[in-house]
Amino acid sequence: MCNQVAFYLVEETGAALTEAKVTLPHDSVEWSVIEAIDPEQLPTDGPMQVREIDSTASETTLRLASRQSVGDAIQDIRDRTQRNSERV
């Protein structure tokens, strides 16, 4: 089991973690997050996951990451283990 967890952590977190903070002003009533983000301005060419959203009346701030953090991966393992133990 430990070998499987170690392998999972290496697979999930082996690549470098790239994070970005994007602030999008609300210029109009009908605005789109997809249209507001310029992919050329992001620090990586790969996909980014939304990690956190903070929205006010005038702007929305997104925290993006290229992959999940080690802490999040470990928490996923703990959650799965807890659910499995509850089933048994």
PDB file of N, CA and C in Angstrom:
ATOM      1  N   MET A   1       0.812  -1.181   0.000  1.00  0.00           N
ATOM      2  CA  MET A   1       0.000   0.000   0.000  1.00  0.00           C
ATOM      3  C   MET A   1       0.869   1.264   0.000  1.00  0.00           C
ATOM      4  N   CYS A   2       1.920   1.266   0.784  1.00  0.00           N
ATOM      5  CA  CYS A   2       2.816   2.426   0.839  1.00  0.00           C
ATOM      6  C   CYS A   2       3.453   2.682  -0.516  1.00  0.00           C
ATOM      7  N   ASN A   3       3.822   1.622  -1.217  1.00  0.00           N
ATOM      8  CA  ASN A   3       4.406   1.786  -2.551  1.00  0.00           C
ATOM      9  C   ASN A   3       3.404   2.435  -3.497  1.00  0.00           C
ATOM     10  N   GLN A   4       2.147   2.035  -3.415  1.00  0.00           N
ATOM     11  CA  GLN A   4       1.119   2.613  -4.280  1.00  0.00           C
ATOM     12  C   GLN A   4       0.899   4.089  -3.961  1.00  0.00           C
ATOM     13  N   VAL A   5       0.894   4.448  -2.695  1.00  0.00           N
ATOM     14  CA  VAL A   5       0.728   5.848  -2.302  1.00  0.00           C
ATOM     15  C   VAL A   5       1.912   6.664  -2.777  1.00  0.00           C
ATOM     16  N   ALA A   6       3.116   6.144  -2.608  1.00  0.00           N
ATOM     17  CA  ALA A   6       4.312   6.854  -3.057  1.00  0.00           C
ATOM     18  C   ALA A   6       4.290   7.053  -4.573  1.00  0.00           C
ATOM     19  N   PHE A   7       3.909   6.009  -5.298  1.00  0.00           N
ATOM     20  CA  PHE A   7       3.821   6.113  -6.755  1.00  0.00           C
ATOM     21  C   PHE A   7       2.787   7.162  -7.160  1.00  0.00           C
ATOM     22  N   TYR A   8       1.626   7.146  -6.501  1.00  0.00           N
ATOM     23  CA  TYR A   8       0.576   8.117  -6.787  1.00  0.00           C
ATOM     24  C   TYR A   8       1.087   9.549  -6.552  1.00  0.00           C
ATOM     25  N   LEU A   9       1.777   9.776  -5.434  1.00  0.00           N
ATOM     26  CA  LEU A   9       2.289  11.112  -5.136  1.00  0.00           C
ATOM     27  C   LEU A   9       3.315  11.574  -6.162  1.00  0.00           C
ATOM     28  N   VAL A  10       4.178  10.679  -6.600  1.00  0.00           N
ATOM     29  CA  VAL A  10       5.166  11.046  -7.621  1.00  0.00           C
ATOM     30  C   VAL A  10       4.470  11.377  -8.933  1.00  0.00           C
ATOM     31  N   GLU A  11       3.475  10.569  -9.307  1.00  0.00           N
ATOM     32  CA  GLU A  11       2.739  10.816 -10.550  1.00  0.00           C
ATOM     33  C   GLU A  11       1.983  12.142 -10.499  1.00  0.00           C
ATOM     34  N   GLU A  12       1.365  12.434  -9.365  1.00  0.00           N
ATOM     35  CA  GLU A  12       0.529  13.630  -9.232  1.00  0.00           C
ATOM     36  C   GLU A  12       1.343  14.898  -9.011  1.00  0.00           C
ATOM     37  N   THR A  13       2.488  14.799  -8.369  1.00  0.00           N
ATOM     38  CA  THR A  13       3.227  16.004  -7.974  1.00  0.00           C
ATOM     39  C   THR A  13       4.654  16.050  -8.502  1.00  0.00           C
ATOM     40  N   GLY A  14       4.995  15.168  -9.427  1.00  0.00           N
ATOM     41  CA  GLY A  14       6.361  15.124  -9.931  1.00  0.00           C
ATOM     42  C   GLY A  14       6.741  16.316 -10.792  1.00  0.00           C
ATOM     43  N   ALA A  15       5.795  16.912 -11.480  1.00  0.00           N
ATOM     44  CA  ALA A  15       6.075  18.071 -12.326  1.00  0.00           C
ATOM     45  C   ALA A  15       6.153  19.332 -11.467  1.00  0.00           C
ATOM     46  N   ALA A  16       6.840  20.326 -11.974  1.00  0.00           N
ATOM     47  CA  ALA A  16       6.955  21.592 -11.253  1.00  0.00           C
ATOM     48  C   ALA A  16       5.583  22.238 -11.090  1.00  0.00           C
ATOM     49  N   LEU A  17       5.357  22.830  -9.934  1.00  0.00           N
ATOM     50  CA  LEU A  17       4.100  23.514  -9.646  1.00  0.00           C
ATOM     51  C   LEU A  17       4.236  24.970 -10.079  1.00  0.00           C
ATOM     52  N   THR A  18       3.399  25.374 -11.011  1.00  0.00           N
ATOM     53  CA  THR A  18       3.374  26.762 -11.471  1.00  0.00           C
ATOM     54  C   THR A  18       2.055  27.371 -11.032  1.00  0.00           C
ATOM     55  N   GLU A  19       2.134  28.528 -10.374  1.00  0.00           N
ATOM     56  CA  GLU A  19       0.933  29.193  -9.901  1.00  0.00           C
ATOM     57  C   GLU A  19       0.823  30.575 -10.524  1.00  0.00           C
ATOM     58  N   ALA A  20      -0.406  31.058 -10.634  1.00  0.00           N
ATOM     59  CA  ALA A  20      -0.651  32.389 -11.176  1.00  0.00           C
ATOM     60  C   ALA A  20      -1.834  33.010 -10.449  1.00  0.00           C
ATOM     61  N   LYS A  21      -1.795  34.318 -10.316  1.00  0.00           N
ATOM     62  CA  LYS A  21      -2.910  35.069  -9.747  1.00  0.00           C
ATOM     63  C   LYS A  21      -3.399  36.010 -10.840  1.00  0.00           C
ATOM     64  N   VAL A  22      -4.660  35.859 -11.220  1.00  0.00           N
ATOM     65  CA  VAL A  22      -5.232  36.646 -12.309  1.00  0.00           C
ATOM     66  C   VAL A  22      -6.358  37.500 -11.738  1.00  0.00           C
ATOM     67  N   THR A  23      -6.279  38.814 -11.968  1.00  0.00           N
ATOM     68  CA  THR A  23      -7.329  39.727 -11.528  1.00  0.00           C
ATOM     69  C   THR A  23      -8.071  40.236 -12.746  1.00  0.00           C
ATOM     70  N   LEU A  24      -9.376  40.035 -12.753  1.00  0.00           N
ATOM     71  CA  LEU A  24     -10.227  40.413 -13.872  1.00  0.00           C
ATOM     72  C   LEU A  24     -11.183  41.514 -13.447  1.00  0.00           C
ATOM     73  N   PRO A  25     -11.022  42.725 -14.003  1.00  0.00           N
ATOM     74  CA  PRO A  25     -11.964  43.791 -13.658  1.00  0.00           C
ATOM     75  C   PRO A  25     -13.307  43.549 -14.330  1.00  0.00           C
ATOM     76  N   HIS A  26     -14.360  43.973 -13.679  1.00  0.00           N
ATOM     77  CA  HIS A  26     -15.698  43.857 -14.247  1.00  0.00           C
ATOM     78  C   HIS A  26     -15.986  45.138 -15.029  1.00  0.00           C
ATOM     79  N   ASP A  27     -15.647  45.132 -16.326  1.00  0.00           N
ATOM     80  CA  ASP A  27     -15.828  46.319 -17.154  1.00  0.00           C
ATOM     81  C   ASP A  27     -17.271  46.532 -17.584  1.00  0.00           C
ATOM     82  N   SER A  28     -18.028  45.459 -17.647  1.00  0.00           N
ATOM     83  CA  SER A  28     -19.412  45.575 -18.080  1.00  0.00           C
ATOM     84  C   SER A  28     -20.278  44.593 -17.301  1.00  0.00           C
ATOM     85  N   VAL A  29     -21.565  44.700 -17.468  1.00  0.00           N
ATOM     86  CA  VAL A  29     -22.492  43.809 -16.764  1.00  0.00           C
ATOM     87  C   VAL A  29     -22.333  42.383 -17.273  1.00  0.00           C
ATOM     88  N   GLU A  30     -22.202  42.204 -18.572  1.00  0.00           N
ATOM     89  CA  GLU A  30     -22.044  40.881 -19.165  1.00  0.00           C
ATOM     90  C   GLU A  30     -20.580  40.673 -19.558  1.00  0.00           C
ATOM     91  N   TRP A  31     -19.838  40.005 -18.712  1.00  0.00           N
ATOM     92  CA  TRP A  31     -18.439  39.731 -19.006  1.00  0.00           C
ATOM     93  C   TRP A  31     -18.196  38.235 -18.860  1.00  0.00           C
ATOM     94  N   SER A  32     -17.154  37.747 -19.520  1.00  0.00           N
ATOM     95  CA  SER A  32     -16.844  36.323 -19.532  1.00  0.00           C
ATOM     96  C   SER A  32     -15.426  36.104 -19.014  1.00  0.00           C
ATOM     97  N   VAL A  33     -15.279  35.190 -18.073  1.00  0.00           N
ATOM     98  CA  VAL A  33     -13.946  34.861 -17.553  1.00  0.00           C
ATOM     99  C   VAL A  33     -13.063  34.329 -18.675  1.00  0.00           C
ATOM    100  N   ILE A  34     -13.614  33.469 -19.516  1.00  0.00           N
ATOM    101  CA  ILE A  34     -12.847  32.865 -20.602  1.00  0.00           C
ATOM    102  C   ILE A  34     -12.319  33.935 -21.553  1.00  0.00           C
ATOM    103  N   GLU A  35     -13.146  34.893 -21.897  1.00  0.00           N
ATOM    104  CA  GLU A  35     -12.720  35.956 -22.806  1.00  0.00           C
ATOM    105  C   GLU A  35     -11.776  36.940 -22.129  1.00  0.00           C
ATOM    106  N   ALA A  36     -11.870  37.092 -20.814  1.00  0.00           N
ATOM    107  CA  ALA A  36     -11.052  38.060 -20.096  1.00  0.00           C
ATOM    108  C   ALA A  36      -9.615  37.585 -19.881  1.00  0.00           C
ATOM    109  N   ILE A  37      -9.393  36.281 -19.821  1.00  0.00           N
ATOM    110  CA  ILE A  37      -8.044  35.751 -19.575  1.00  0.00           C
ATOM    111  C   ILE A  37      -7.280  35.668 -20.886  1.00  0.00           C
ATOM    112  N   ASP A  38      -6.092  36.259 -20.896  1.00  0.00           N
ATOM    113  CA  ASP A  38      -5.204  36.182 -22.050  1.00  0.00           C
ATOM    114  C   ASP A  38      -4.223  35.031 -21.816  1.00  0.00           C
ATOM    115  N   PRO A  39      -4.352  33.912 -22.545  1.00  0.00           N
ATOM    116  CA  PRO A  39      -3.465  32.757 -22.317  1.00  0.00           C
ATOM    117  C   PRO A  39      -1.983  33.084 -22.489  1.00  0.00           C
ATOM    118  N   GLU A  40      -1.675  34.078 -23.288  1.00  0.00           N
ATOM    119  CA  GLU A  40      -0.271  34.469 -23.498  1.00  0.00           C
ATOM    120  C   GLU A  40       0.350  35.026 -22.215  1.00  0.00           C
ATOM    121  N   GLN A  41      -0.466  35.527 -21.302  1.00  0.00           N
ATOM    122  CA  GLN A  41       0.033  36.120 -20.062  1.00  0.00           C
ATOM    123  C   GLN A  41       0.243  35.091 -18.952  1.00  0.00           C
ATOM    124  N   LEU A  42      -0.270  33.872 -19.135  1.00  0.00           N
ATOM    125  CA  LEU A  42      -0.110  32.838 -18.116  1.00  0.00           C
ATOM    126  C   LEU A  42       1.318  32.290 -18.134  1.00  0.00           C
ATOM    127  N   PRO A  43       1.833  31.854 -16.980  1.00  0.00           N
ATOM    128  CA  PRO A  43       3.238  31.435 -16.887  1.00  0.00           C
ATOM    129  C   PRO A  43       3.540  30.039 -17.445  1.00  0.00           C
ATOM    130  N   THR A  44       2.567  29.367 -18.033  1.00  0.00           N
ATOM    131  CA  THR A  44       2.790  28.026 -18.560  1.00  0.00           C
ATOM    132  C   THR A  44       1.922  27.802 -19.791  1.00  0.00           C
ATOM    133  N   ASP A  45       2.342  26.892 -20.656  1.00  0.00           N
ATOM    134  CA  ASP A  45       1.560  26.567 -21.849  1.00  0.00           C
ATOM    135  C   ASP A  45       0.509  25.506 -21.574  1.00  0.00           C
ATOM    136  N   GLY A  46       0.673  24.769 -20.490  1.00  0.00           N
ATOM    137  CA  GLY A  46      -0.243  23.683 -20.174  1.00  0.00           C
ATOM    138  C   GLY A  46      -1.516  24.178 -19.509  1.00  0.00           C
ATOM    139  N   PRO A  47      -2.400  23.256 -19.212  1.00  0.00           N
ATOM    140  CA  PRO A  47      -3.664  23.625 -18.569  1.00  0.00           C
ATOM    141  C   PRO A  47      -3.442  24.115 -17.138  1.00  0.00           C
ATOM    142  N   MET A  48      -4.319  24.971 -16.693  1.00  0.00           N
ATOM    143  CA  MET A  48      -4.272  25.508 -15.330  1.00  0.00           C
ATOM    144  C   MET A  48      -5.593  25.169 -14.642  1.00  0.00           C
ATOM    145  N   GLN A  49      -5.505  24.845 -13.353  1.00  0.00           N
ATOM    146  CA  GLN A  49      -6.684  24.552 -12.543  1.00  0.00           C
ATOM    147  C   GLN A  49      -6.992  25.765 -11.676  1.00  0.00           C
ATOM    148  N   VAL A  50      -8.269  26.060 -11.512  1.00  0.00           N
ATOM    149  CA  VAL A  50      -8.667  27.137 -10.605  1.00  0.00           C
ATOM    150  C   VAL A  50      -8.577  26.594  -9.187  1.00  0.00           C
ATOM    151  N   ARG A  51      -7.788  27.247  -8.361  1.00  0.00           N
ATOM    152  CA  ARG A  51      -7.593  26.798  -6.979  1.00  0.00           C
ATOM    153  C   ARG A  51      -8.438  27.614  -6.001  1.00  0.00           C
ATOM    154  N   GLU A  52      -8.683  28.895  -6.355  1.00  0.00           N
ATOM    155  CA  GLU A  52      -9.431  29.760  -5.454  1.00  0.00           C
ATOM    156  C   GLU A  52     -10.039  30.906  -6.258  1.00  0.00           C
ATOM    157  N   ILE A  53     -11.233  31.331  -5.879  1.00  0.00           N
ATOM    158  CA  ILE A  53     -11.899  32.460  -6.524  1.00  0.00           C
ATOM    159  C   ILE A  53     -12.310  33.451  -5.448  1.00  0.00           C
ATOM    160  N   ASP A  54     -11.950  34.715  -5.666  1.00  0.00           N
ATOM    161  CA  ASP A  54     -12.359  35.785  -4.765  1.00  0.00           C
ATOM    162  C   ASP A  54     -13.012  36.853  -5.621  1.00  0.00           C
ATOM    163  N   SER A  55     -14.273  37.146  -5.350  1.00  0.00           N
ATOM    164  CA  SER A  55     -15.014  38.083  -6.188  1.00  0.00           C
ATOM    165  C   SER A  55     -15.555  39.240  -5.365  1.00  0.00           C
ATOM    166  N   THR A  56     -15.401  40.445  -5.904  1.00  0.00           N
ATOM    167  CA  THR A  56     -15.995  41.647  -5.323  1.00  0.00           C
ATOM    168  C   THR A  56     -16.884  42.269  -6.390  1.00  0.00           C
ATOM    169  N   ALA A  57     -17.481  43.391  -6.066  1.00  0.00           N
ATOM    170  CA  ALA A  57     -18.364  44.056  -7.030  1.00  0.00           C
ATOM    171  C   ALA A  57     -17.605  44.568  -8.245  1.00  0.00           C
ATOM    172  N   SER A  58     -16.328  44.901  -8.071  1.00  0.00           N
ATOM    173  CA  SER A  58     -15.570  45.507  -9.170  1.00  0.00           C
ATOM    174  C   SER A  58     -14.603  44.565  -9.889  1.00  0.00           C
ATOM    175  N   GLU A  59     -14.239  43.444  -9.244  1.00  0.00           N
ATOM    176  CA  GLU A  59     -13.270  42.544  -9.871  1.00  0.00           C
ATOM    177  C   GLU A  59     -13.378  41.136  -9.318  1.00  0.00           C
ATOM    178  N   THR A  60     -12.815  40.199 -10.075  1.00  0.00           N
ATOM    179  CA  THR A  60     -12.709  38.807  -9.646  1.00  0.00           C
ATOM    180  C   THR A  60     -11.245  38.412  -9.711  1.00  0.00           C
ATOM    181  N   THR A  61     -10.746  37.793  -8.643  1.00  0.00           N
ATOM    182  CA  THR A  61      -9.364  37.331  -8.608  1.00  0.00           C
ATOM    183  C   THR A  61      -9.362  35.813  -8.575  1.00  0.00           C
ATOM    184  N   LEU A  62      -8.606  35.215  -9.486  1.00  0.00           N
ATOM    185  CA  LEU A  62      -8.474  33.760  -9.577  1.00  0.00           C
ATOM    186  C   LEU A  62      -7.058  33.367  -9.192  1.00  0.00           C
ATOM    187  N   ARG A  63      -6.923  32.325  -8.390  1.00  0.00           N
ATOM    188  CA  ARG A  63      -5.603  31.737  -8.130  1.00  0.00           C
ATOM    189  C   ARG A  63      -5.570  30.441  -8.922  1.00  0.00           C
ATOM    190  N   LEU A  64      -4.634  30.344  -9.841  1.00  0.00           N
ATOM    191  CA  LEU A  64      -4.518  29.193 -10.730  1.00  0.00           C
ATOM    192  C   LEU A  64      -3.265  28.392 -10.407  1.00  0.00           C
ATOM    193  N   ALA A  65      -3.271  27.111 -10.750  1.00  0.00           N
ATOM    194  CA  ALA A  65      -2.100  26.259 -10.556  1.00  0.00           C
ATOM    195  C   ALA A  65      -2.051  25.216 -11.672  1.00  0.00           C
ATOM    196  N   SER A  66      -0.847  24.801 -12.000  1.00  0.00           N
ATOM    197  CA  SER A  66      -0.660  23.818 -13.072  1.00  0.00           C
ATOM    198  C   SER A  66      -0.983  22.396 -12.633  1.00  0.00           C
ATOM    199  N   ARG A  67      -1.014  22.158 -11.338  1.00  0.00           N
ATOM    200  CA  ARG A  67      -1.345  20.843 -10.786  1.00  0.00           C
ATOM    201  C   ARG A  67      -1.724  21.029  -9.336  1.00  0.00           C
ATOM    202  N   GLN A  68      -2.192  19.952  -8.695  1.00  0.00           N
ATOM    203  CA  GLN A  68      -2.532  20.060  -7.285  1.00  0.00           C
ATOM    204  C   GLN A  68      -1.262  20.045  -6.443  1.00  0.00           C
ATOM    205  N   SER A  69      -1.330  20.631  -5.276  1.00  0.00           N
ATOM    206  CA  SER A  69      -0.178  20.669  -4.384  1.00  0.00           C
ATOM    207  C   SER A  69       0.013  19.310  -3.717  1.00  0.00           C
ATOM    208  N   VAL A  70       1.180  19.116  -3.116  1.00  0.00           N
ATOM    209  CA  VAL A  70       1.456  17.872  -2.395  1.00  0.00           C
ATOM    210  C   VAL A  70       0.460  17.723  -1.242  1.00  0.00           C
ATOM    211  N   GLY A  71       0.194  18.808  -0.540  1.00  0.00           N
ATOM    212  CA  GLY A  71      -0.760  18.760   0.572  1.00  0.00           C
ATOM    213  C   GLY A  71      -2.146  18.340   0.119  1.00  0.00           C
ATOM    214  N   ASP A  72      -2.585  18.861  -1.038  1.00  0.00           N
ATOM    215  CA  ASP A  72      -3.895  18.472  -1.570  1.00  0.00           C
ATOM    216  C   ASP A  72      -3.919  17.009  -1.988  1.00  0.00           C
ATOM    217  N   ALA A  73      -2.836  16.529  -2.575  1.00  0.00           N
ATOM    218  CA  ALA A  73      -2.760  15.122  -2.988  1.00  0.00           C
ATOM    219  C   ALA A  73      -2.817  14.208  -1.769  1.00  0.00           C
ATOM    220  N   ILE A  74      -2.116  14.576  -0.705  1.00  0.00           N
ATOM    221  CA  ILE A  74      -2.142  13.772   0.523  1.00  0.00           C
ATOM    222  C   ILE A  74      -3.531  13.811   1.145  1.00  0.00           C
ATOM    223  N   GLN A  75      -4.188  14.982   1.124  1.00  0.00           N
ATOM    224  CA  GLN A  75      -5.535  15.080   1.666  1.00  0.00           C
ATOM    225  C   GLN A  75      -6.510  14.217   0.866  1.00  0.00           C
ATOM    226  N   ASP A  76      -6.343  14.150  -0.452  1.00  0.00           N
ATOM    227  CA  ASP A  76      -7.169  13.261  -1.280  1.00  0.00           C
ATOM    228  C   ASP A  76      -7.013  11.807  -0.855  1.00  0.00           C
ATOM    229  N   ILE A  77      -5.781  11.397  -0.584  1.00  0.00           N
ATOM    230  CA  ILE A  77      -5.522  10.022  -0.144  1.00  0.00           C
ATOM    231  C   ILE A  77      -6.202   9.772   1.203  1.00  0.00           C
ATOM    232  N   ARG A  78      -6.080  10.729   2.121  1.00  0.00           N
ATOM    233  CA  ARG A  78      -6.727  10.584   3.438  1.00  0.00           C
ATOM    234  C   ARG A  78      -8.240  10.475   3.293  1.00  0.00           C
ATOM    235  N   ASP A  79      -8.825  11.321   2.436  1.00  0.00           N
ATOM    236  CA  ASP A  79     -10.274  11.283   2.226  1.00  0.00           C
ATOM    237  C   ASP A  79     -10.721   9.940   1.655  1.00  0.00           C
ATOM    238  N   ARG A  80      -9.977   9.443   0.674  1.00  0.00           N
ATOM    239  CA  ARG A  80     -10.322   8.146   0.068  1.00  0.00           C
ATOM    240  C   ARG A  80     -10.206   7.016   1.089  1.00  0.00           C
ATOM    241  N   THR A  81      -9.145   7.055   1.886  1.00  0.00           N
ATOM    242  CA  THR A  81      -8.938   6.028   2.916  1.00  0.00           C
ATOM    243  C   THR A  81     -10.065   6.074   3.940  1.00  0.00           C
ATOM    244  N   GLN A  82     -10.470   7.274   4.332  1.00  0.00           N
ATOM    245  CA  GLN A  82     -11.564   7.428   5.298  1.00  0.00           C
ATOM    246  C   GLN A  82     -12.865   6.863   4.729  1.00  0.00           C
ATOM    247  N   ARG A  83     -13.181   7.194   3.475  1.00  0.00           N
ATOM    248  CA  ARG A  83     -14.413   6.680   2.870  1.00  0.00           C
ATOM    249  C   ARG A  83     -14.383   5.160   2.768  1.00  0.00           C
ATOM    250  N   ASN A  84     -13.233   4.601   2.423  1.00  0.00           N
ATOM    251  CA  ASN A  84     -13.114   3.131   2.321  1.00  0.00           C
ATOM    252  C   ASN A  84     -13.275   2.487   3.691  1.00  0.00           C
ATOM    253  N   SER A  85     -12.701   3.077   4.728  1.00  0.00           N
ATOM    254  CA  SER A  85     -12.817   2.480   6.055  1.00  0.00           C
ATOM    255  C   SER A  85     -14.256   2.571   6.567  1.00  0.00           C
ATOM    256  N   GLU A  86     -14.997   3.597   6.155  1.00  0.00           N
ATOM    257  CA  GLU A  86     -16.391   3.715   6.564  1.00  0.00           C
ATOM    258  C   GLU A  86     -17.246   2.657   5.877  1.00  0.00           C
ATOM    259  N   ARG A  87     -16.883   2.256   4.674  1.00  0.00           N
ATOM    260  CA  ARG A  87     -17.624   1.228   3.960  1.00  0.00           C
ATOM    261  C   ARG A  87     -17.444  -0.142   4.585  1.00  0.00           C
ATOM    262  N   VAL A  88     -16.278  -0.387   5.150  1.00  0.00           N
ATOM    263  CA  VAL A  88     -15.950  -1.699   5.724  1.00  0.00           C
ATOM    264  C   VAL A  88     -16.483  -1.809   7.085  1.00  0.00           C
TER     265      VAL A  88
END
